[in-house]
Amino acid sequence: MPRARSARTPPAGARIQSVARAGAILDALAAAGEIGLAELSRRVGLGKSTTYYLAESLVGLGLAERTPDGHRYRLGLKNLEFGRAVQRRMSIAAIARPSLIALCARTKETVNLAVPYLLDALMVESLEGAYGVRATAYAGTRAAYHSTACGKALLAAFDPATRRAIYAARPLTAATPRTITDVAVLERQIAEIQRAGYAFDLEENELGAHCVAAAIVDGFAQPVGAISVSGPAQRLPRRTLADIARLLVAETRAISATLVGGATASG
């Protein structure tokens, strides 16, 4: 029986609309620097009362603040934390790049770097292998956690509560007939990935494509990225992927050790 929703909890559509409106206000504050309520209301196309309510909610979260005279709004200092998080993600790409190049040279296959991004893995680097035939993953594209090697490697590195939240937020849809769409089955595979240290995608995201990936963790044991090697299934059977996995795990562990050292030094 579905759980009854609290009378105080707005429906999902209303929550999404509120988030979109709050995002529009943040965009307006970023563009304007400092802005009064009337002009802010005009720019985002909302009534003054709605704009005021949302702006004050953002103030409460530290995402916006009032100017000393109390008449205008501007971005809050909390946004700096998000900016630093993005910078850390960008630094992962810089730190990992020598490993990506080395893996691409050793395997002659496509090598990708993905980072956790909301409910997906976001591809931030992609090096095409010497063979010139690749799976369709490009920098800037998103990959589902449950159907890709990078995604499953990240899932295995997340804590159980984070995985449960991801499963609850989005159904496990099938990208191919081989995609795992049952949470219990996926969790059993996650346990295997945790023991092995790497994840396979055997035509689960794209028919005819195989992939192996391993996660990168930071000094707090949190997953910050995953590197994968992918190519045509006929050229990368499971036994070949297992051989590549040893190279991959060595590289991701070295990157993780670098990040752990950086966290220790900064602490």
C-alpha atoms as a PDB file:
ATOM      1  CA  MET A   1       0.000   0.000   0.000  1.00  0.00           C
ATOM      2  CA  PRO A   2       1.518   3.369  -0.954  1.00  0.00           C
ATOM      3  CA  ARG A   3       2.430   5.621   1.929  1.00  0.00           C
ATOM      4  CA  ALA A   4       0.060   8.526   2.397  1.00  0.00           C
ATOM      5  CA  ARG A   5       1.611  11.904   1.717  1.00  0.00           C
ATOM      6  CA  SER A   6       1.550  14.413   4.526  1.00  0.00           C
ATOM      7  CA  ALA A   7      -0.924  17.231   4.063  1.00  0.00           C
ATOM      8  CA  ARG A   8       1.985  19.626   4.502  1.00  0.00           C
ATOM      9  CA  THR A   9       4.106  18.045   1.775  1.00  0.00           C
ATOM     10  CA  PRO A  10       3.568  19.740  -1.610  1.00  0.00           C
ATOM     11  CA  PRO A  11       3.118  17.481  -4.648  1.00  0.00           C
ATOM     12  CA  ALA A  12       6.213  16.616  -6.667  1.00  0.00           C
ATOM     13  CA  GLY A  13       5.272  18.979  -9.493  1.00  0.00           C
ATOM     14  CA  ALA A  14       5.009  21.920  -7.110  1.00  0.00           C
ATOM     15  CA  ARG A  15       8.365  21.094  -5.523  1.00  0.00           C
ATOM     16  CA  ILE A  16      10.055  20.938  -8.930  1.00  0.00           C
ATOM     17  CA  GLN A  17       8.457  24.265  -9.909  1.00  0.00           C
ATOM     18  CA  SER A  18       9.704  25.875  -6.694  1.00  0.00           C
ATOM     19  CA  VAL A  19      13.231  24.624  -7.324  1.00  0.00           C
ATOM     20  CA  ALA A  20      13.128  25.968 -10.889  1.00  0.00           C
ATOM     21  CA  ARG A  21      11.933  29.356  -9.646  1.00  0.00           C
ATOM     22  CA  ALA A  22      14.613  29.475  -6.961  1.00  0.00           C
ATOM     23  CA  GLY A  23      17.178  28.651  -9.636  1.00  0.00           C
ATOM     24  CA  ALA A  24      15.908  31.534 -11.769  1.00  0.00           C
ATOM     25  CA  ILE A  25      16.325  33.884  -8.815  1.00  0.00           C
ATOM     26  CA  LEU A  26      19.897  32.718  -8.256  1.00  0.00           C
ATOM     27  CA  ASP A  27      20.625  33.247 -11.954  1.00  0.00           C
ATOM     28  CA  ALA A  28      19.222  36.777 -11.724  1.00  0.00           C
ATOM     29  CA  LEU A  29      21.308  37.553  -8.638  1.00  0.00           C
ATOM     30  CA  ALA A  30      24.430  36.254 -10.360  1.00  0.00           C
ATOM     31  CA  ALA A  31      23.764  38.476 -13.370  1.00  0.00           C
ATOM     32  CA  ALA A  32      22.799  41.604 -11.444  1.00  0.00           C
ATOM     33  CA  GLY A  33      25.207  41.561  -8.529  1.00  0.00           C
ATOM     34  CA  GLU A  34      22.746  43.378  -6.268  1.00  0.00           C
ATOM     35  CA  ILE A  35      19.075  43.839  -7.070  1.00  0.00           C
ATOM     36  CA  GLY A  36      15.906  45.108  -5.404  1.00  0.00           C
ATOM     37  CA  LEU A  37      12.760  43.043  -4.965  1.00  0.00           C
ATOM     38  CA  ALA A  38      10.724  44.824  -7.654  1.00  0.00           C
ATOM     39  CA  GLU A  39      13.403  44.413 -10.325  1.00  0.00           C
ATOM     40  CA  LEU A  40      14.098  40.840  -9.245  1.00  0.00           C
ATOM     41  CA  SER A  41      10.398  40.053  -9.525  1.00  0.00           C
ATOM     42  CA  ARG A  42      10.299  41.548 -13.015  1.00  0.00           C
ATOM     43  CA  ARG A  43      13.357  39.638 -14.205  1.00  0.00           C
ATOM     44  CA  VAL A  44      12.140  36.232 -13.073  1.00  0.00           C
ATOM     45  CA  GLY A  45       8.548  36.855 -14.132  1.00  0.00           C
ATOM     46  CA  LEU A  46       6.974  36.171 -10.744  1.00  0.00           C
ATOM     47  CA  GLY A  47       4.777  38.186  -8.425  1.00  0.00           C
ATOM     48  CA  LYS A  48       6.442  40.179  -5.673  1.00  0.00           C
ATOM     49  CA  SER A  49       5.052  38.008  -2.883  1.00  0.00           C
ATOM     50  CA  THR A  50       6.279  34.787  -4.513  1.00  0.00           C
ATOM     51  CA  THR A  51       9.651  36.333  -5.300  1.00  0.00           C
ATOM     52  CA  TYR A  52       9.958  37.606  -1.733  1.00  0.00           C
ATOM     53  CA  TYR A  53       9.109  34.194  -0.271  1.00  0.00           C
ATOM     54  CA  LEU A  54      11.646  32.401  -2.454  1.00  0.00           C
ATOM     55  CA  ALA A  55      14.356  35.031  -1.977  1.00  0.00           C
ATOM     56  CA  GLU A  56      13.957  34.909   1.793  1.00  0.00           C
ATOM     57  CA  SER A  57      14.094  31.106   1.678  1.00  0.00           C
ATOM     58  CA  LEU A  58      17.394  31.395  -0.193  1.00  0.00           C
ATOM     59  CA  VAL A  59      18.616  33.871   2.428  1.00  0.00           C
ATOM     60  CA  GLY A  60      17.795  31.319   5.110  1.00  0.00           C
ATOM     61  CA  LEU A  61      19.890  28.738   3.273  1.00  0.00           C
ATOM     62  CA  GLY A  62      22.820  31.114   2.848  1.00  0.00           C
ATOM     63  CA  LEU A  63      22.440  31.070  -0.928  1.00  0.00           C
ATOM     64  CA  ALA A  64      21.340  34.707  -0.971  1.00  0.00           C
ATOM     65  CA  GLU A  65      21.719  37.617   1.419  1.00  0.00           C
ATOM     66  CA  ARG A  66      20.391  41.111   1.910  1.00  0.00           C
ATOM     67  CA  THR A  67      22.645  44.109   1.392  1.00  0.00           C
ATOM     68  CA  PRO A  68      23.471  46.099   4.550  1.00  0.00           C
ATOM     69  CA  ASP A  69      20.747  48.645   3.781  1.00  0.00           C
ATOM     70  CA  GLY A  70      18.205  45.802   3.618  1.00  0.00           C
ATOM     71  CA  HIS A  71      16.750  46.934   0.279  1.00  0.00           C
ATOM     72  CA  ARG A  72      18.498  44.602  -2.159  1.00  0.00           C
ATOM     73  CA  TYR A  73      19.499  40.976  -2.558  1.00  0.00           C
ATOM     74  CA  ARG A  74      22.770  39.436  -3.689  1.00  0.00           C
ATOM     75  CA  LEU A  75      24.328  35.971  -3.811  1.00  0.00           C
ATOM     76  CA  GLY A  76      25.225  34.478  -0.442  1.00  0.00           C
ATOM     77  CA  LEU A  77      28.582  33.088   0.609  1.00  0.00           C
ATOM     78  CA  LYS A  78      27.218  29.533   0.619  1.00  0.00           C
ATOM     79  CA  ASN A  79      27.689  29.569  -3.147  1.00  0.00           C
ATOM     80  CA  LEU A  80      31.450  29.652  -2.586  1.00  0.00           C
ATOM     81  CA  GLU A  81      31.235  26.145  -1.146  1.00  0.00           C
ATOM     82  CA  PHE A  82      29.565  24.922  -4.317  1.00  0.00           C
ATOM     83  CA  GLY A  83      32.195  26.686  -6.391  1.00  0.00           C
ATOM     84  CA  ARG A  84      34.944  24.963  -4.450  1.00  0.00           C
ATOM     85  CA  ALA A  85      33.216  21.618  -5.006  1.00  0.00           C
ATOM     86  CA  VAL A  86      33.229  22.255  -8.761  1.00  0.00           C
ATOM     87  CA  GLN A  87      36.898  23.222  -8.600  1.00  0.00           C
ATOM     88  CA  ARG A  88      37.670  19.944  -6.823  1.00  0.00           C
ATOM     89  CA  ARG A  89      35.846  18.063  -9.565  1.00  0.00           C
ATOM     90  CA  MET A  90      37.855  19.903 -12.214  1.00  0.00           C
ATOM     91  CA  SER A  91      41.077  19.111 -10.362  1.00  0.00           C
ATOM     92  CA  ILE A  92      40.167  15.410 -10.507  1.00  0.00           C
ATOM     93  CA  ALA A  93      40.286  15.634 -14.300  1.00  0.00           C
ATOM     94  CA  ALA A  94      43.718  17.271 -14.202  1.00  0.00           C
ATOM     95  CA  ILE A  95      45.104  14.729 -11.733  1.00  0.00           C
ATOM     96  CA  ALA A  96      43.620  11.778 -13.617  1.00  0.00           C
ATOM     97  CA  ARG A  97      44.660  12.838 -17.105  1.00  0.00           C
ATOM     98  CA  PRO A  98      48.123  11.157 -17.094  1.00  0.00           C
ATOM     99  CA  SER A  99      46.416   7.912 -16.073  1.00  0.00           C
ATOM    100  CA  LEU A 100      43.838   8.282 -18.836  1.00  0.00           C
ATOM    101  CA  ILE A 101      46.598   8.775 -21.398  1.00  0.00           C
ATOM    102  CA  ALA A 102      48.570   5.800 -20.060  1.00  0.00           C
ATOM    103  CA  LEU A 103      45.536   3.503 -20.093  1.00  0.00           C
ATOM    104  CA  CYS A 104      44.585   4.595 -23.597  1.00  0.00           C
ATOM    105  CA  ALA A 105      48.126   3.874 -24.812  1.00  0.00           C
ATOM    106  CA  ARG A 106      48.290   0.465 -23.074  1.00  0.00           C
ATOM    107  CA  THR A 107      44.852  -0.791 -24.103  1.00  0.00           C
ATOM    108  CA  LYS A 108      44.365   1.118 -27.373  1.00  0.00           C
ATOM    109  CA  GLU A 109      40.715   1.416 -26.324  1.00  0.00           C
ATOM    110  CA  THR A 110      38.507   4.368 -25.400  1.00  0.00           C
ATOM    111  CA  VAL A 111      39.109   5.650 -21.867  1.00  0.00           C
ATOM    112  CA  ASN A 112      36.579   7.789 -19.985  1.00  0.00           C
ATOM    113  CA  LEU A 113      36.543   9.730 -16.732  1.00  0.00           C
ATOM    114  CA  ALA A 114      33.176  10.235 -15.032  1.00  0.00           C
ATOM    115  CA  VAL A 115      32.210  12.095 -11.859  1.00  0.00           C
ATOM    116  CA  PRO A 116      29.063  11.830  -9.720  1.00  0.00           C
ATOM    117  CA  TYR A 117      26.506  14.421 -10.806  1.00  0.00           C
ATOM    118  CA  LEU A 118      23.069  14.384  -9.154  1.00  0.00           C
ATOM    119  CA  LEU A 119      21.380  11.149 -10.263  1.00  0.00           C
ATOM    120  CA  ASP A 120      23.892  10.342 -13.009  1.00  0.00           C
ATOM    121  CA  ALA A 121      27.554   9.871 -13.741  1.00  0.00           C
ATOM    122  CA  LEU A 122      28.811  12.800 -15.824  1.00  0.00           C
ATOM    123  CA  MET A 123      31.505  12.093 -18.396  1.00  0.00           C
ATOM    124  CA  VAL A 124      34.149  14.823 -18.107  1.00  0.00           C
ATOM    125  CA  GLU A 125      37.019  13.347 -20.154  1.00  0.00           C
ATOM    126  CA  SER A 126      37.057  10.902 -23.056  1.00  0.00           C
ATOM    127  CA  LEU A 127      40.112   9.707 -24.987  1.00  0.00           C
ATOM    128  CA  GLU A 128      39.486   7.709 -28.154  1.00  0.00           C
ATOM    129  CA  GLY A 129      41.539   4.567 -28.623  1.00  0.00           C
ATOM    130  CA  ALA A 130      43.791   3.704 -31.540  1.00  0.00           C
ATOM    131  CA  TYR A 131      41.211   1.419 -33.131  1.00  0.00           C
ATOM    132  CA  GLY A 132      38.833   4.298 -33.815  1.00  0.00           C
ATOM    133  CA  VAL A 133      35.737   2.221 -32.971  1.00  0.00           C
ATOM    134  CA  ARG A 134      34.255   3.315 -29.704  1.00  0.00           C
ATOM    135  CA  ALA A 135      31.204   3.113 -27.504  1.00  0.00           C
ATOM    136  CA  THR A 136      29.047   6.227 -27.622  1.00  0.00           C
ATOM    137  CA  ALA A 137      30.272   8.012 -24.493  1.00  0.00           C
ATOM    138  CA  TYR A 138      31.508  11.565 -24.913  1.00  0.00           C
ATOM    139  CA  ALA A 139      32.629  14.260 -22.498  1.00  0.00           C
ATOM    140  CA  GLY A 140      29.620  16.210 -21.298  1.00  0.00           C
ATOM    141  CA  THR A 141      27.172  13.323 -21.566  1.00  0.00           C
ATOM    142  CA  ARG A 142      25.450  11.703 -18.605  1.00  0.00           C
ATOM    143  CA  ALA A 143      25.454   7.985 -17.882  1.00  0.00           C
ATOM    144  CA  ALA A 144      22.985   6.103 -15.709  1.00  0.00           C
ATOM    145  CA  TYR A 145      24.433   4.701 -12.505  1.00  0.00           C
ATOM    146  CA  HIS A 146      22.814   1.267 -12.839  1.00  0.00           C
ATOM    147  CA  SER A 147      23.580   0.440 -16.473  1.00  0.00           C
ATOM    148  CA  THR A 148      27.179   1.627 -16.957  1.00  0.00           C
ATOM    149  CA  ALA A 149      30.500   0.425 -15.596  1.00  0.00           C
ATOM    150  CA  CYS A 150      31.441   3.904 -14.343  1.00  0.00           C
ATOM    151  CA  GLY A 151      28.041   4.289 -12.734  1.00  0.00           C
ATOM    152  CA  LYS A 152      28.157   0.934 -10.980  1.00  0.00           C
ATOM    153  CA  ALA A 153      31.713   1.551  -9.779  1.00  0.00           C
ATOM    154  CA  LEU A 154      30.502   4.814  -8.230  1.00  0.00           C
ATOM    155  CA  LEU A 155      27.421   3.138  -6.738  1.00  0.00           C
ATOM    156  CA  ALA A 156      29.636   0.541  -5.088  1.00  0.00           C
ATOM    157  CA  ALA A 157      31.707   3.312  -3.500  1.00  0.00           C
ATOM    158  CA  PHE A 158      28.680   5.223  -2.198  1.00  0.00           C
ATOM    159  CA  ASP A 159      27.367   4.437   1.271  1.00  0.00           C
ATOM    160  CA  PRO A 160      24.145   2.359   1.434  1.00  0.00           C
ATOM    161  CA  ALA A 161      21.990   5.371   2.344  1.00  0.00           C
ATOM    162  CA  THR A 162      23.138   7.263  -0.750  1.00  0.00           C
ATOM    163  CA  ARG A 163      22.400   4.262  -2.952  1.00  0.00           C
ATOM    164  CA  ARG A 164      18.926   3.902  -1.458  1.00  0.00           C
ATOM    165  CA  ALA A 165      18.228   7.581  -2.147  1.00  0.00           C
ATOM    166  CA  ILE A 166      19.347   7.170  -5.771  1.00  0.00           C
ATOM    167  CA  TYR A 167      17.152   4.099  -6.251  1.00  0.00           C
ATOM    168  CA  ALA A 168      14.170   5.883  -4.695  1.00  0.00           C
ATOM    169  CA  ALA A 169      14.582   8.959  -6.889  1.00  0.00           C
ATOM    170  CA  ARG A 170      14.523   7.196 -10.240  1.00  0.00           C
ATOM    171  CA  PRO A 171      13.394   3.784 -11.541  1.00  0.00           C
ATOM    172  CA  LEU A 172      16.024   1.456 -12.986  1.00  0.00           C
ATOM    173  CA  THR A 173      15.041   1.715 -16.637  1.00  0.00           C
ATOM    174  CA  ALA A 174      16.339  -0.698 -19.266  1.00  0.00           C
ATOM    175  CA  ALA A 175      18.790   0.698 -21.815  1.00  0.00           C
ATOM    176  CA  THR A 176      19.155  -2.767 -23.387  1.00  0.00           C
ATOM    177  CA  PRO A 177      17.672  -6.220 -22.682  1.00  0.00           C
ATOM    178  CA  ARG A 178      20.751  -6.885 -20.520  1.00  0.00           C
ATOM    179  CA  THR A 179      20.273  -3.906 -18.175  1.00  0.00           C
ATOM    180  CA  ILE A 180      19.713  -4.778 -14.516  1.00  0.00           C
ATOM    181  CA  THR A 181      16.369  -3.259 -13.512  1.00  0.00           C
ATOM    182  CA  ASP A 182      15.858  -4.969 -10.143  1.00  0.00           C
ATOM    183  CA  VAL A 183      17.376  -3.244  -7.102  1.00  0.00           C
ATOM    184  CA  ALA A 184      17.982  -6.511  -5.240  1.00  0.00           C
ATOM    185  CA  VAL A 185      19.854  -7.983  -8.205  1.00  0.00           C
ATOM    186  CA  LEU A 186      21.838  -4.764  -8.624  1.00  0.00           C
ATOM    187  CA  GLU A 187      22.755  -4.728  -4.927  1.00  0.00           C
ATOM    188  CA  ARG A 188      24.097  -8.282  -5.205  1.00  0.00           C
ATOM    189  CA  GLN A 189      26.269  -7.148  -8.090  1.00  0.00           C
ATOM    190  CA  ILE A 190      27.351  -4.078  -6.083  1.00  0.00           C
ATOM    191  CA  ALA A 191      28.640  -6.440  -3.368  1.00  0.00           C
ATOM    192  CA  GLU A 192      30.681  -8.292  -6.011  1.00  0.00           C
ATOM    193  CA  ILE A 193      32.061  -4.984  -7.313  1.00  0.00           C
ATOM    194  CA  GLN A 194      33.089  -3.984  -3.802  1.00  0.00           C
ATOM    195  CA  ARG A 195      34.985  -7.252  -3.388  1.00  0.00           C
ATOM    196  CA  ALA A 196      36.652  -7.098  -6.812  1.00  0.00           C
ATOM    197  CA  GLY A 197      37.357  -3.364  -6.917  1.00  0.00           C
ATOM    198  CA  TYR A 198      35.975  -2.894 -10.425  1.00  0.00           C
ATOM    199  CA  ALA A 199      32.698  -3.062 -12.361  1.00  0.00           C
ATOM    200  CA  PHE A 200      31.703  -4.532 -15.714  1.00  0.00           C
ATOM    201  CA  ASP A 201      29.120  -3.321 -18.215  1.00  0.00           C
ATOM    202  CA  LEU A 202      28.428  -6.245 -20.556  1.00  0.00           C
ATOM    203  CA  GLU A 203      26.116  -4.734 -23.162  1.00  0.00           C
ATOM    204  CA  GLU A 204      23.973  -3.330 -20.346  1.00  0.00           C
ATOM    205  CA  ASN A 205      24.070   0.253 -21.592  1.00  0.00           C
ATOM    206  CA  GLU A 206      24.692  -0.277 -25.302  1.00  0.00           C
ATOM    207  CA  LEU A 207      24.346  -3.474 -27.297  1.00  0.00           C
ATOM    208  CA  GLY A 208      27.664  -4.574 -28.738  1.00  0.00           C
ATOM    209  CA  ALA A 209      29.724  -2.592 -26.203  1.00  0.00           C
ATOM    210  CA  HIS A 210      31.673  -3.841 -23.184  1.00  0.00           C
ATOM    211  CA  CYS A 211      33.244  -1.716 -20.474  1.00  0.00           C
ATOM    212  CA  VAL A 212      35.161  -2.022 -17.209  1.00  0.00           C
ATOM    213  CA  ALA A 213      35.544   0.742 -14.605  1.00  0.00           C
ATOM    214  CA  ALA A 214      36.993   1.447 -11.175  1.00  0.00           C
ATOM    215  CA  ALA A 215      36.210   4.258  -8.764  1.00  0.00           C
ATOM    216  CA  ILE A 216      38.426   7.049  -7.450  1.00  0.00           C
ATOM    217  CA  VAL A 217      37.902   8.048  -3.806  1.00  0.00           C
ATOM    218  CA  ASP A 218      39.071  11.106  -1.905  1.00  0.00           C
ATOM    219  CA  GLY A 219      40.650  11.489   1.513  1.00  0.00           C
ATOM    220  CA  PHE A 220      37.255  10.998   3.148  1.00  0.00           C
ATOM    221  CA  ALA A 221      36.620   7.706   1.286  1.00  0.00           C
ATOM    222  CA  GLN A 222      33.976   9.412  -0.846  1.00  0.00           C
ATOM    223  CA  PRO A 223      33.754   8.566  -4.567  1.00  0.00           C
ATOM    224  CA  VAL A 224      34.788  11.542  -6.675  1.00  0.00           C
ATOM    225  CA  GLY A 225      35.181   9.854 -10.037  1.00  0.00           C
ATOM    226  CA  ALA A 226      35.531   6.646 -11.996  1.00  0.00           C
ATOM    227  CA  ILE A 227      37.699   5.673 -14.950  1.00  0.00           C
ATOM    228  CA  SER A 228      36.474   3.229 -17.569  1.00  0.00           C
ATOM    229  CA  VAL A 229      37.916   1.423 -20.568  1.00  0.00           C
ATOM    230  CA  SER A 230      35.372   0.537 -23.231  1.00  0.00           C
ATOM    231  CA  GLY A 231      35.124  -0.924 -26.707  1.00  0.00           C
ATOM    232  CA  PRO A 232      33.297  -3.423 -28.909  1.00  0.00           C
ATOM    233  CA  ALA A 233      32.175  -6.587 -27.111  1.00  0.00           C
ATOM    234  CA  GLN A 234      33.857  -8.853 -29.668  1.00  0.00           C
ATOM    235  CA  ARG A 235      37.216  -7.200 -29.027  1.00  0.00           C
ATOM    236  CA  LEU A 236      36.773  -6.959 -25.260  1.00  0.00           C
ATOM    237  CA  PRO A 237      35.404 -10.264 -23.955  1.00  0.00           C
ATOM    238  CA  ARG A 238      35.105 -10.636 -20.201  1.00  0.00           C
ATOM    239  CA  ARG A 239      38.547 -12.246 -19.790  1.00  0.00           C
ATOM    240  CA  THR A 240      40.172  -9.289 -21.592  1.00  0.00           C
ATOM    241  CA  LEU A 241      38.234  -6.856 -19.419  1.00  0.00           C
ATOM    242  CA  ALA A 242      39.531  -8.665 -16.330  1.00  0.00           C
ATOM    243  CA  ASP A 243      43.116  -8.170 -17.543  1.00  0.00           C
ATOM    244  CA  ILE A 244      42.436  -4.477 -18.191  1.00  0.00           C
ATOM    245  CA  ALA A 245      40.818  -4.202 -14.756  1.00  0.00           C
ATOM    246  CA  ARG A 246      44.157  -4.874 -13.063  1.00  0.00           C
ATOM    247  CA  LEU A 247      45.721  -1.923 -14.897  1.00  0.00           C
ATOM    248  CA  LEU A 248      42.685   0.201 -14.178  1.00  0.00           C
ATOM    249  CA  VAL A 249      42.600  -0.520 -10.451  1.00  0.00           C
ATOM    250  CA  ALA A 250      46.312   0.270 -10.151  1.00  0.00           C
ATOM    251  CA  GLU A 251      45.754   3.678 -11.769  1.00  0.00           C
ATOM    252  CA  THR A 252      42.628   4.584  -9.777  1.00  0.00           C
ATOM    253  CA  ARG A 253      44.292   3.569  -6.516  1.00  0.00           C
ATOM    254  CA  ALA A 254      47.278   5.763  -7.354  1.00  0.00           C
ATOM    255  CA  ILE A 255      44.970   8.715  -8.056  1.00  0.00           C
ATOM    256  CA  SER A 256      43.056   8.049  -4.832  1.00  0.00           C
ATOM    257  CA  ALA A 257      46.335   7.973  -2.898  1.00  0.00           C
ATOM    258  CA  THR A 258      47.229  11.361  -4.383  1.00  0.00           C
ATOM    259  CA  LEU A 259      43.884  12.769  -3.264  1.00  0.00           C
ATOM    260  CA  VAL A 260      44.255  11.265   0.204  1.00  0.00           C
ATOM    261  CA  GLY A 261      47.696  12.865   0.481  1.00  0.00           C
ATOM    262  CA  GLY A 262      46.260  16.196  -0.629  1.00  0.00           C
ATOM    263  CA  ALA A 263      43.481  15.999   1.940  1.00  0.00           C
ATOM    264  CA  THR A 264      45.992  15.154   4.672  1.00  0.00           C
ATOM    265  CA  ALA A 265      48.239  18.058   3.686  1.00  0.00           C
ATOM    266  CA  SER A 266      45.359  20.538   3.584  1.00  0.00           C
ATOM    267  CA  GLY A 267      44.031  19.294   6.901  1.00  0.00           C
END
